[in-house]
PDB file of all heavy atoms in Angstrom:
ATOM      1  N   SER A   1      -4.167  16.771   5.709  1.00  0.00           N
ATOM      2  CA  SER A   1      -3.304  15.634   5.362  1.00  0.00           C
ATOM      3  C   SER A   1      -3.568  14.436   6.187  1.00  0.00           C
ATOM      4  O   SER A   1      -3.802  13.359   5.643  1.00  0.00           O
ATOM      5  CB  SER A   1      -1.799  16.057   5.509  1.00  0.00           C
ATOM      6  OG  SER A   1      -1.446  17.084   4.611  1.00  0.00           O
ATOM      7  N   LEU A   2      -3.544  14.597   7.505  1.00  0.00           N
ATOM      8  CA  LEU A   2      -3.830  13.486   8.396  1.00  0.00           C
ATOM      9  C   LEU A   2      -5.292  13.058   8.329  1.00  0.00           C
ATOM     10  O   LEU A   2      -5.612  11.915   8.423  1.00  0.00           O
ATOM     11  CB  LEU A   2      -3.438  13.821   9.836  1.00  0.00           C
ATOM     12  CG  LEU A   2      -3.663  12.781  10.901  1.00  0.00           C
ATOM     13  CD1 LEU A   2      -2.966  11.466  10.573  1.00  0.00           C
ATOM     14  CD2 LEU A   2      -3.180  13.310  12.254  1.00  0.00           C
ATOM     15  N   THR A   3      -6.176  14.020   8.117  1.00  0.00           N
ATOM     16  CA  THR A   3      -7.576  13.712   8.015  1.00  0.00           C
ATOM     17  C   THR A   3      -7.883  12.706   6.902  1.00  0.00           C
ATOM     18  O   THR A   3      -8.637  11.741   7.087  1.00  0.00           O
ATOM     19  CB  THR A   3      -8.408  14.979   7.731  1.00  0.00           C
ATOM     20  OG1 THR A   3      -7.959  16.068   8.584  1.00  0.00           O
ATOM     21  CG2 THR A   3      -9.910  14.802   8.001  1.00  0.00           C
ATOM     22  N   LEU A   4      -7.252  12.910   5.757  1.00  0.00           N
ATOM     23  CA  LEU A   4      -7.396  11.993   4.648  1.00  0.00           C
ATOM     24  C   LEU A   4      -6.887  10.564   5.025  1.00  0.00           C
ATOM     25  O   LEU A   4      -7.536   9.576   4.630  1.00  0.00           O
ATOM     26  CB  LEU A   4      -6.694  12.554   3.409  1.00  0.00           C
ATOM     27  CG  LEU A   4      -7.245  13.798   2.822  1.00  0.00           C
ATOM     28  CD1 LEU A   4      -6.358  14.190   1.577  1.00  0.00           C
ATOM     29  CD2 LEU A   4      -8.701  13.588   2.316  1.00  0.00           C
ATOM     30  N   ALA A   5      -5.752  10.535   5.735  1.00  0.00           N
ATOM     31  CA  ALA A   5      -5.231   9.195   6.100  1.00  0.00           C
ATOM     32  C   ALA A   5      -6.192   8.509   7.023  1.00  0.00           C
ATOM     33  O   ALA A   5      -6.348   7.260   6.919  1.00  0.00           O
ATOM     34  CB  ALA A   5      -3.834   9.402   6.682  1.00  0.00           C
ATOM     35  N   LEU A   6      -6.740   9.243   8.020  1.00  0.00           N
ATOM     36  CA  LEU A   6      -7.647   8.600   8.966  1.00  0.00           C
ATOM     37  C   LEU A   6      -8.902   8.124   8.288  1.00  0.00           C
ATOM     38  O   LEU A   6      -9.423   7.046   8.544  1.00  0.00           O
ATOM     39  CB  LEU A   6      -7.961   9.626  10.075  1.00  0.00           C
ATOM     40  CG  LEU A   6      -6.816  10.043  10.928  1.00  0.00           C
ATOM     41  CD1 LEU A   6      -7.257  11.238  11.790  1.00  0.00           C
ATOM     42  CD2 LEU A   6      -6.312   8.901  11.781  1.00  0.00           C
ATOM     43  N   ALA A   7      -9.450   8.953   7.390  1.00  0.00           N
ATOM     44  CA  ALA A   7     -10.686   8.569   6.637  1.00  0.00           C
ATOM     45  C   ALA A   7     -10.342   7.401   5.720  1.00  0.00           C
ATOM     46  O   ALA A   7     -11.175   6.451   5.509  1.00  0.00           O
ATOM     47  CB  ALA A   7     -11.215   9.747   5.835  1.00  0.00           C
ATOM     48  N   GLY A   8      -9.165   7.424   5.118  1.00  0.00           N
ATOM     49  CA  GLY A   8      -8.760   6.332   4.250  1.00  0.00           C
ATOM     50  C   GLY A   8      -8.597   4.967   4.950  1.00  0.00           C
ATOM     51  O   GLY A   8      -8.803   3.937   4.364  1.00  0.00           O
ATOM     52  N   ALA A   9      -8.360   5.051   6.270  1.00  0.00           N
ATOM     53  CA  ALA A   9      -8.282   3.841   7.079  1.00  0.00           C
ATOM     54  C   ALA A   9      -9.656   3.351   7.477  1.00  0.00           C
ATOM     55  O   ALA A   9      -9.769   2.283   8.096  1.00  0.00           O
ATOM     56  CB  ALA A   9      -7.380   4.126   8.313  1.00  0.00           C
ATOM     57  N   GLY A  10     -10.694   4.071   7.145  1.00  0.00           N
ATOM     58  CA  GLY A  10     -12.006   3.710   7.475  1.00  0.00           C
ATOM     59  C   GLY A  10     -12.686   4.307   8.635  1.00  0.00           C
ATOM     60  O   GLY A  10     -13.824   3.963   9.013  1.00  0.00           O
ATOM     61  N   ALA A  11     -11.985   5.273   9.314  1.00  0.00           N
ATOM     62  CA  ALA A  11     -12.538   5.845  10.527  1.00  0.00           C
ATOM     63  C   ALA A  11     -13.550   6.965  10.210  1.00  0.00           C
ATOM     64  O   ALA A  11     -13.504   7.586   9.151  1.00  0.00           O
ATOM     65  CB  ALA A  11     -11.420   6.466  11.368  1.00  0.00           C
ATOM     66  N   SER A  12     -14.439   7.220  11.157  1.00  0.00           N
ATOM     67  CA  SER A  12     -15.302   8.376  11.117  1.00  0.00           C
ATOM     68  C   SER A  12     -14.508   9.513  11.849  1.00  0.00           C
ATOM     69  O   SER A  12     -14.088   9.249  13.010  1.00  0.00           O
ATOM     70  CB  SER A  12     -16.621   8.158  11.814  1.00  0.00           C
ATOM     71  OG  SER A  12     -17.319   7.134  11.146  1.00  0.00           O
ATOM     72  N   VAL A  13     -14.347  10.640  11.251  1.00  0.00           N
ATOM     73  CA  VAL A  13     -13.484  11.711  11.782  1.00  0.00           C
ATOM     74  C   VAL A  13     -14.293  12.950  12.095  1.00  0.00           C
ATOM     75  O   VAL A  13     -15.013  13.498  11.251  1.00  0.00           O
ATOM     76  CB  VAL A  13     -12.343  11.983  10.795  1.00  0.00           C
ATOM     77  CG1 VAL A  13     -11.366  13.046  11.388  1.00  0.00           C
ATOM     78  CG2 VAL A  13     -11.607  10.762  10.412  1.00  0.00           C
ATOM     79  N   LEU A  14     -14.088  13.486  13.309  1.00  0.00           N
ATOM     80  CA  LEU A  14     -14.545  14.794  13.679  1.00  0.00           C
ATOM     81  C   LEU A  14     -13.276  15.668  13.785  1.00  0.00           C
ATOM     82  O   LEU A  14     -12.428  15.482  14.611  1.00  0.00           O
ATOM     83  CB  LEU A  14     -15.256  14.794  15.041  1.00  0.00           C
ATOM     84  CG  LEU A  14     -15.547  16.166  15.638  1.00  0.00           C
ATOM     85  CD1 LEU A  14     -16.493  16.941  14.710  1.00  0.00           C
ATOM     86  CD2 LEU A  14     -16.230  15.973  17.023  1.00  0.00           C
ATOM     87  N   ALA A  15     -13.128  16.574  12.776  1.00  0.00           N
ATOM     88  CA  ALA A  15     -11.951  17.410  12.713  1.00  0.00           C
ATOM     89  C   ALA A  15     -12.326  18.808  13.218  1.00  0.00           C
ATOM     90  O   ALA A  15     -13.084  19.486  12.616  1.00  0.00           O
ATOM     91  CB  ALA A  15     -11.478  17.504  11.238  1.00  0.00           C
ATOM     92  N   VAL A  16     -11.617  19.222  14.250  1.00  0.00           N
ATOM     93  CA  VAL A  16     -11.881  20.560  14.881  1.00  0.00           C
ATOM     94  C   VAL A  16     -10.722  21.515  14.616  1.00  0.00           C
ATOM     95  O   VAL A  16      -9.622  21.302  15.009  1.00  0.00           O
ATOM     96  CB  VAL A  16     -12.081  20.387  16.386  1.00  0.00           C
ATOM     97  CG1 VAL A  16     -12.278  21.720  17.057  1.00  0.00           C
ATOM     98  CG2 VAL A  16     -13.301  19.482  16.685  1.00  0.00           C
ATOM     99  N   GLU A  17     -11.070  22.533  13.857  1.00  0.00           N
ATOM    100  CA  GLU A  17     -10.023  23.518  13.410  1.00  0.00           C
ATOM    101  C   GLU A  17     -10.310  24.880  13.986  1.00  0.00           C
ATOM    102  O   GLU A  17     -11.489  25.369  13.896  1.00  0.00           O
ATOM    103  CB  GLU A  17      -9.953  23.598  11.909  1.00  0.00           C
ATOM    104  CG  GLU A  17      -9.089  24.625  11.318  1.00  0.00           C
ATOM    105  CD  GLU A  17      -7.562  24.457  11.813  1.00  0.00           C
ATOM    106  OE1 GLU A  17      -7.070  23.357  11.741  1.00  0.00           O
ATOM    107  OE2 GLU A  17      -7.033  25.505  12.231  1.00  0.00           O
ATOM    108  N   LEU A  18      -9.351  25.527  14.571  1.00  0.00           N
ATOM    109  CA  LEU A  18      -9.542  26.865  15.196  1.00  0.00           C
ATOM    110  C   LEU A  18      -9.562  27.977  14.139  1.00  0.00           C
ATOM    111  O   LEU A  18     -10.367  28.886  14.211  1.00  0.00           O
ATOM    112  CB  LEU A  18      -8.467  27.095  16.252  1.00  0.00           C
ATOM    113  CG  LEU A  18      -8.346  28.502  16.895  1.00  0.00           C
ATOM    114  CD1 LEU A  18      -9.595  28.758  17.690  1.00  0.00           C
ATOM    115  CD2 LEU A  18      -7.101  28.649  17.745  1.00  0.00           C
ATOM    116  N   ASP A  19      -8.647  27.870  13.180  1.00  0.00           N
ATOM    117  CA  ASP A  19      -8.349  28.972  12.227  1.00  0.00           C
ATOM    118  C   ASP A  19      -9.472  29.021  11.173  1.00  0.00           C
ATOM    119  O   ASP A  19      -9.492  28.204  10.241  1.00  0.00           O
ATOM    120  CB  ASP A  19      -7.000  28.859  11.647  1.00  0.00           C
ATOM    121  CG  ASP A  19      -6.536  30.051  10.824  1.00  0.00           C
ATOM    122  OD1 ASP A  19      -7.338  30.946  10.651  1.00  0.00           O
ATOM    123  OD2 ASP A  19      -5.407  29.998  10.344  1.00  0.00           O
ATOM    124  N   ARG A  20     -10.261  30.129  11.166  1.00  0.00           N
ATOM    125  CA  ARG A  20     -11.310  30.298  10.164  1.00  0.00           C
ATOM    126  C   ARG A  20     -10.758  30.458   8.787  1.00  0.00           C
ATOM    127  O   ARG A  20     -11.379  30.136   7.774  1.00  0.00           O
ATOM    128  CB  ARG A  20     -12.200  31.517  10.532  1.00  0.00           C
ATOM    129  CG  ARG A  20     -12.928  31.351  11.807  1.00  0.00           C
ATOM    130  CD  ARG A  20     -13.784  32.655  12.107  1.00  0.00           C
ATOM    131  NE  ARG A  20     -14.460  32.544  13.378  1.00  0.00           N
ATOM    132  CZ  ARG A  20     -15.643  31.974  13.568  1.00  0.00           C
ATOM    133  NH1 ARG A  20     -16.235  31.463  12.516  1.00  0.00           N
ATOM    134  NH2 ARG A  20     -16.215  31.965  14.757  1.00  0.00           N
ATOM    135  N   HIS A  21      -9.556  30.977   8.651  1.00  0.00           N
ATOM    136  CA  HIS A  21      -8.922  31.197   7.338  1.00  0.00           C
ATOM    137  C   HIS A  21      -8.570  29.910   6.691  1.00  0.00           C
ATOM    138  O   HIS A  21      -8.478  29.816   5.457  1.00  0.00           O
ATOM    139  CB  HIS A  21      -7.711  32.092   7.493  1.00  0.00           C
ATOM    140  CG  HIS A  21      -7.972  33.427   8.083  1.00  0.00           C
ATOM    141  ND1 HIS A  21      -7.852  33.726   9.366  1.00  0.00           N
ATOM    142  CD2 HIS A  21      -8.449  34.580   7.474  1.00  0.00           C
ATOM    143  CE1 HIS A  21      -8.157  34.984   9.580  1.00  0.00           C
ATOM    144  NE2 HIS A  21      -8.532  35.518   8.480  1.00  0.00           N
ATOM    145  N   VAL A  22      -8.338  28.835   7.440  1.00  0.00           N
ATOM    146  CA  VAL A  22      -7.938  27.565   6.873  1.00  0.00           C
ATOM    147  C   VAL A  22      -9.195  26.702   6.522  1.00  0.00           C
ATOM    148  O   VAL A  22      -9.063  25.814   5.685  1.00  0.00           O
ATOM    149  CB  VAL A  22      -7.050  26.808   7.945  1.00  0.00           C
ATOM    150  CG1 VAL A  22      -6.812  25.339   7.542  1.00  0.00           C
ATOM    151  CG2 VAL A  22      -5.709  27.533   8.077  1.00  0.00           C
ATOM    152  N   LEU A  23     -10.303  27.004   7.171  1.00  0.00           N
ATOM    153  CA  LEU A  23     -11.469  26.122   6.974  1.00  0.00           C
ATOM    154  C   LEU A  23     -11.866  25.900   5.490  1.00  0.00           C
ATOM    155  O   LEU A  23     -12.132  24.777   5.107  1.00  0.00           O
ATOM    156  CB  LEU A  23     -12.634  26.689   7.727  1.00  0.00           C
ATOM    157  CG  LEU A  23     -12.708  26.435   9.266  1.00  0.00           C
ATOM    158  CD1 LEU A  23     -13.925  27.091   9.823  1.00  0.00           C
ATOM    159  CD2 LEU A  23     -12.765  24.950   9.568  1.00  0.00           C
ATOM    160  N   PRO A  24     -11.904  26.919   4.622  1.00  0.00           N
ATOM    161  CA  PRO A  24     -12.322  26.690   3.243  1.00  0.00           C
ATOM    162  C   PRO A  24     -11.405  25.707   2.550  1.00  0.00           C
ATOM    163  O   PRO A  24     -11.872  24.819   1.772  1.00  0.00           O
ATOM    164  CB  PRO A  24     -12.209  28.090   2.592  1.00  0.00           C
ATOM    165  CG  PRO A  24     -12.453  29.043   3.743  1.00  0.00           C
ATOM    166  CD  PRO A  24     -11.787  28.393   4.901  1.00  0.00           C
ATOM    167  N   ALA A  25     -10.094  25.757   2.800  1.00  0.00           N
ATOM    168  CA  ALA A  25      -9.185  24.879   2.112  1.00  0.00           C
ATOM    169  C   ALA A  25      -9.375  23.426   2.702  1.00  0.00           C
ATOM    170  O   ALA A  25      -9.394  22.502   1.965  1.00  0.00           O
ATOM    171  CB  ALA A  25      -7.730  25.305   2.422  1.00  0.00           C
ATOM    172  N   LEU A  26      -9.498  23.319   4.027  1.00  0.00           N
ATOM    173  CA  LEU A  26      -9.760  22.036   4.646  1.00  0.00           C
ATOM    174  C   LEU A  26     -11.046  21.444   4.097  1.00  0.00           C
ATOM    175  O   LEU A  26     -11.095  20.224   3.709  1.00  0.00           O
ATOM    176  CB  LEU A  26      -9.822  22.174   6.146  1.00  0.00           C
ATOM    177  CG  LEU A  26     -10.238  20.967   6.952  1.00  0.00           C
ATOM    178  CD1 LEU A  26      -9.304  19.828   6.809  1.00  0.00           C
ATOM    179  CD2 LEU A  26     -10.400  21.293   8.414  1.00  0.00           C
ATOM    180  N   GLU A  27     -12.127  22.166   4.033  1.00  0.00           N
ATOM    181  CA  GLU A  27     -13.398  21.651   3.590  1.00  0.00           C
ATOM    182  C   GLU A  27     -13.336  21.189   2.098  1.00  0.00           C
ATOM    183  O   GLU A  27     -13.936  20.211   1.679  1.00  0.00           O
ATOM    184  CB  GLU A  27     -14.465  22.702   3.743  1.00  0.00           C
ATOM    185  CG  GLU A  27     -14.850  22.875   5.260  1.00  0.00           C
ATOM    186  CD  GLU A  27     -15.737  24.025   5.517  1.00  0.00           C
ATOM    187  OE1 GLU A  27     -15.838  24.954   4.584  1.00  0.00           O
ATOM    188  OE2 GLU A  27     -16.373  24.140   6.563  1.00  0.00           O
ATOM    189  N   SER A  28     -12.515  21.900   1.292  1.00  0.00           N
ATOM    190  CA  SER A  28     -12.378  21.477  -0.098  1.00  0.00           C
ATOM    191  C   SER A  28     -11.633  20.196  -0.219  1.00  0.00           C
ATOM    192  O   SER A  28     -11.867  19.347  -1.107  1.00  0.00           O
ATOM    193  CB  SER A  28     -11.634  22.586  -0.931  1.00  0.00           C
ATOM    194  OG  SER A  28     -10.221  22.673  -0.589  1.00  0.00           O
ATOM    195  N   VAL A  29     -10.664  19.963   0.675  1.00  0.00           N
ATOM    196  CA  VAL A  29      -9.900  18.754   0.652  1.00  0.00           C
ATOM    197  C   VAL A  29     -10.685  17.525   1.041  1.00  0.00           C
ATOM    198  O   VAL A  29     -10.574  16.453   0.422  1.00  0.00           O
ATOM    199  CB  VAL A  29      -8.659  18.904   1.586  1.00  0.00           C
ATOM    200  CG1 VAL A  29      -7.943  17.523   1.804  1.00  0.00           C
ATOM    201  CG2 VAL A  29      -7.622  19.889   0.955  1.00  0.00           C
ATOM    202  N   VAL A  30     -11.542  17.679   2.031  1.00  0.00           N
ATOM    203  CA  VAL A  30     -12.265  16.452   2.567  1.00  0.00           C
ATOM    204  C   VAL A  30     -13.657  16.323   1.946  1.00  0.00           C
ATOM    205  O   VAL A  30     -14.376  15.417   2.338  1.00  0.00           O
ATOM    206  CB  VAL A  30     -12.360  16.531   4.111  1.00  0.00           C
ATOM    207  CG1 VAL A  30     -10.992  16.613   4.739  1.00  0.00           C
ATOM    208  CG2 VAL A  30     -13.209  17.765   4.572  1.00  0.00           C
ATOM    209  N   ALA A  31     -14.058  17.227   1.045  1.00  0.00           N
ATOM    210  CA  ALA A  31     -15.376  17.141   0.444  1.00  0.00           C
ATOM    211  C   ALA A  31     -15.595  15.811  -0.249  1.00  0.00           C
ATOM    212  O   ALA A  31     -14.776  15.433  -1.096  1.00  0.00           O
ATOM    213  CB  ALA A  31     -15.589  18.278  -0.533  1.00  0.00           C
ATOM    214  N   GLY A  32     -16.594  15.141   0.157  1.00  0.00           N
ATOM    215  CA  GLY A  32     -16.934  13.830  -0.471  1.00  0.00           C
ATOM    216  C   GLY A  32     -16.031  12.713  -0.089  1.00  0.00           C
ATOM    217  O   GLY A  32     -16.048  11.610  -0.672  1.00  0.00           O
ATOM    218  N   VAL A  33     -15.204  12.923   0.969  1.00  0.00           N
ATOM    219  CA  VAL A  33     -14.207  11.917   1.378  1.00  0.00           C
ATOM    220  C   VAL A  33     -14.780  11.214   2.697  1.00  0.00           C
ATOM    221  O   VAL A  33     -14.866  11.811   3.695  1.00  0.00           O
ATOM    222  CB  VAL A  33     -12.865  12.518   1.730  1.00  0.00           C
ATOM    223  CG1 VAL A  33     -11.952  11.517   2.390  1.00  0.00           C
ATOM    224  CG2 VAL A  33     -12.238  13.051   0.417  1.00  0.00           C
ATOM    225  N   GLY A  34     -15.163   9.899   2.527  1.00  0.00           N
ATOM    226  CA  GLY A  34     -15.524   9.122   3.706  1.00  0.00           C
ATOM    227  C   GLY A  34     -16.487   9.819   4.645  1.00  0.00           C
ATOM    228  O   GLY A  34     -17.362  10.603   4.234  1.00  0.00           O
ATOM    229  N   ASP A  35     -16.347   9.548   5.927  1.00  0.00           N
ATOM    230  CA  ASP A  35     -17.206  10.037   6.946  1.00  0.00           C
ATOM    231  C   ASP A  35     -16.389  11.121   7.771  1.00  0.00           C
ATOM    232  O   ASP A  35     -15.785  10.765   8.796  1.00  0.00           O
ATOM    233  CB  ASP A  35     -17.711   9.016   7.844  1.00  0.00           C
ATOM    234  CG  ASP A  35     -18.709   9.442   8.898  1.00  0.00           C
ATOM    235  OD1 ASP A  35     -19.054  10.670   8.886  1.00  0.00           O
ATOM    236  OD2 ASP A  35     -19.122   8.653   9.751  1.00  0.00           O
ATOM    237  N   VAL A  36     -16.336  12.327   7.276  1.00  0.00           N
ATOM    238  CA  VAL A  36     -15.588  13.412   7.872  1.00  0.00           C
ATOM    239  C   VAL A  36     -16.487  14.571   8.190  1.00  0.00           C
ATOM    240  O   VAL A  36     -17.190  15.062   7.274  1.00  0.00           O
ATOM    241  CB  VAL A  36     -14.386  13.906   6.991  1.00  0.00           C
ATOM    242  CG1 VAL A  36     -13.663  15.048   7.659  1.00  0.00           C
ATOM    243  CG2 VAL A  36     -13.473  12.746   6.706  1.00  0.00           C
ATOM    244  N   THR A  37     -16.442  15.038   9.394  1.00  0.00           N
ATOM    245  CA  THR A  37     -17.190  16.260   9.829  1.00  0.00           C
ATOM    246  C   THR A  37     -16.163  17.304  10.252  1.00  0.00           C
ATOM    247  O   THR A  37     -15.290  16.982  11.116  1.00  0.00           O
ATOM    248  CB  THR A  37     -18.101  15.940  10.992  1.00  0.00           C
ATOM    249  OG1 THR A  37     -19.056  14.934  10.604  1.00  0.00           O
ATOM    250  CG2 THR A  37     -18.876  17.168  11.422  1.00  0.00           C
ATOM    251  N   VAL A  38     -16.287  18.474   9.710  1.00  0.00           N
ATOM    252  CA  VAL A  38     -15.361  19.588  10.075  1.00  0.00           C
ATOM    253  C   VAL A  38     -16.133  20.594  10.914  1.00  0.00           C
ATOM    254  O   VAL A  38     -17.277  20.998  10.591  1.00  0.00           O
ATOM    255  CB  VAL A  38     -14.826  20.275   8.750  1.00  0.00           C
ATOM    256  CG1 VAL A  38     -14.022  21.491   9.141  1.00  0.00           C
ATOM    257  CG2 VAL A  38     -13.970  19.296   7.974  1.00  0.00           C
ATOM    258  N   GLU A  39     -15.574  20.969  12.042  1.00  0.00           N
ATOM    259  CA  GLU A  39     -16.142  22.016  12.890  1.00  0.00           C
ATOM    260  C   GLU A  39     -15.114  23.073  13.224  1.00  0.00           C
ATOM    261  O   GLU A  39     -13.900  22.746  13.392  1.00  0.00           O
ATOM    262  CB  GLU A  39     -16.694  21.381  14.166  1.00  0.00           C
ATOM    263  CG  GLU A  39     -17.882  20.489  13.996  1.00  0.00           C
ATOM    264  CD  GLU A  39     -18.573  20.129  15.306  1.00  0.00           C
ATOM    265  OE1 GLU A  39     -18.144  20.697  16.304  1.00  0.00           O
ATOM    266  OE2 GLU A  39     -19.425  19.288  15.277  1.00  0.00           O
ATOM    267  N   GLN A  40     -15.512  24.300  13.291  1.00  0.00           N
ATOM    268  CA  GLN A  40     -14.652  25.358  13.717  1.00  0.00           C
ATOM    269  C   GLN A  40     -14.797  25.519  15.257  1.00  0.00           C
ATOM    270  O   GLN A  40     -15.946  25.544  15.740  1.00  0.00           O
ATOM    271  CB  GLN A  40     -14.994  26.668  13.009  1.00  0.00           C
ATOM    272  CG  GLN A  40     -13.970  27.808  13.158  1.00  0.00           C
ATOM    273  CD  GLN A  40     -14.109  28.534  14.475  1.00  0.00           C
ATOM    274  OE1 GLN A  40     -15.215  28.677  15.039  1.00  0.00           O
ATOM    275  NE2 GLN A  40     -12.973  29.082  14.971  1.00  0.00           N
ATOM    276  N   GLY A  41     -13.634  25.639  15.940  1.00  0.00           N
ATOM    277  CA  GLY A  41     -13.818  25.821  17.387  1.00  0.00           C
ATOM    278  C   GLY A  41     -12.421  25.712  18.071  1.00  0.00           C
ATOM    279  O   GLY A  41     -11.448  25.305  17.460  1.00  0.00           O
ATOM    280  N   ASP A  42     -12.446  26.045  19.316  1.00  0.00           N
ATOM    281  CA  ASP A  42     -11.207  26.046  20.160  1.00  0.00           C
ATOM    282  C   ASP A  42     -11.262  24.814  21.034  1.00  0.00           C
ATOM    283  O   ASP A  42     -12.119  24.612  21.831  1.00  0.00           O
ATOM    284  CB  ASP A  42     -11.152  27.321  21.014  1.00  0.00           C
ATOM    285  CG  ASP A  42      -9.886  27.453  21.773  1.00  0.00           C
ATOM    286  OD1 ASP A  42      -9.145  26.497  21.974  1.00  0.00           O
ATOM    287  OD2 ASP A  42      -9.566  28.615  22.226  1.00  0.00           O
ATOM    288  N   ALA A  43     -10.238  23.953  20.879  1.00  0.00           N
ATOM    289  CA  ALA A  43     -10.146  22.715  21.618  1.00  0.00           C
ATOM    290  C   ALA A  43     -10.057  22.915  23.095  1.00  0.00           C
ATOM    291  O   ALA A  43     -10.315  21.988  23.889  1.00  0.00           O
ATOM    292  CB  ALA A  43      -9.011  21.841  21.069  1.00  0.00           C
ATOM    293  N   LEU A  44      -9.694  24.062  23.530  1.00  0.00           N
ATOM    294  CA  LEU A  44      -9.561  24.361  24.976  1.00  0.00           C
ATOM    295  C   LEU A  44     -10.928  24.873  25.526  1.00  0.00           C
ATOM    296  O   LEU A  44     -11.003  25.093  26.768  1.00  0.00           O
ATOM    297  CB  LEU A  44      -8.468  25.411  25.188  1.00  0.00           C
ATOM    298  CG  LEU A  44      -7.046  24.941  24.903  1.00  0.00           C
ATOM    299  CD1 LEU A  44      -6.060  26.066  25.061  1.00  0.00           C
ATOM    300  CD2 LEU A  44      -6.648  23.761  25.774  1.00  0.00           C
ATOM    301  N   GLU A  45     -11.893  25.072  24.684  1.00  0.00           N
ATOM    302  CA  GLU A  45     -13.176  25.603  25.155  1.00  0.00           C
ATOM    303  C   GLU A  45     -14.382  24.729  24.780  1.00  0.00           C
ATOM    304  O   GLU A  45     -15.412  24.788  25.463  1.00  0.00           O
ATOM    305  CB  GLU A  45     -13.403  27.013  24.608  1.00  0.00           C
ATOM    306  CG  GLU A  45     -12.349  28.002  25.081  1.00  0.00           C
ATOM    307  CD  GLU A  45     -12.561  29.380  24.542  1.00  0.00           C
ATOM    308  OE1 GLU A  45     -13.565  29.618  23.834  1.00  0.00           O
ATOM    309  OE2 GLU A  45     -11.770  30.303  24.864  1.00  0.00           O
ATOM    310  N   LEU A  46     -14.350  23.999  23.692  1.00  0.00           N
ATOM    311  CA  LEU A  46     -15.493  23.203  23.247  1.00  0.00           C
ATOM    312  C   LEU A  46     -15.919  22.203  24.283  1.00  0.00           C
ATOM    313  O   LEU A  46     -15.101  21.622  24.966  1.00  0.00           O
ATOM    314  CB  LEU A  46     -15.163  22.501  21.917  1.00  0.00           C
ATOM    315  CG  LEU A  46     -15.102  23.396  20.700  1.00  0.00           C
ATOM    316  CD1 LEU A  46     -14.614  22.587  19.475  1.00  0.00           C
ATOM    317  CD2 LEU A  46     -16.453  24.061  20.390  1.00  0.00           C
TER     318      LEU A  46
END
């Protein structure tokens, strides 16, 4: 939801998601949308 708003404002977005189960849904939402890169990882370790 927020990723789309950020991309819609013109930003390049690096979206880091921990939950592997959510990734397919997230990737389907942002596919072809602006400059968005999705990565799986733990923000406390990357």
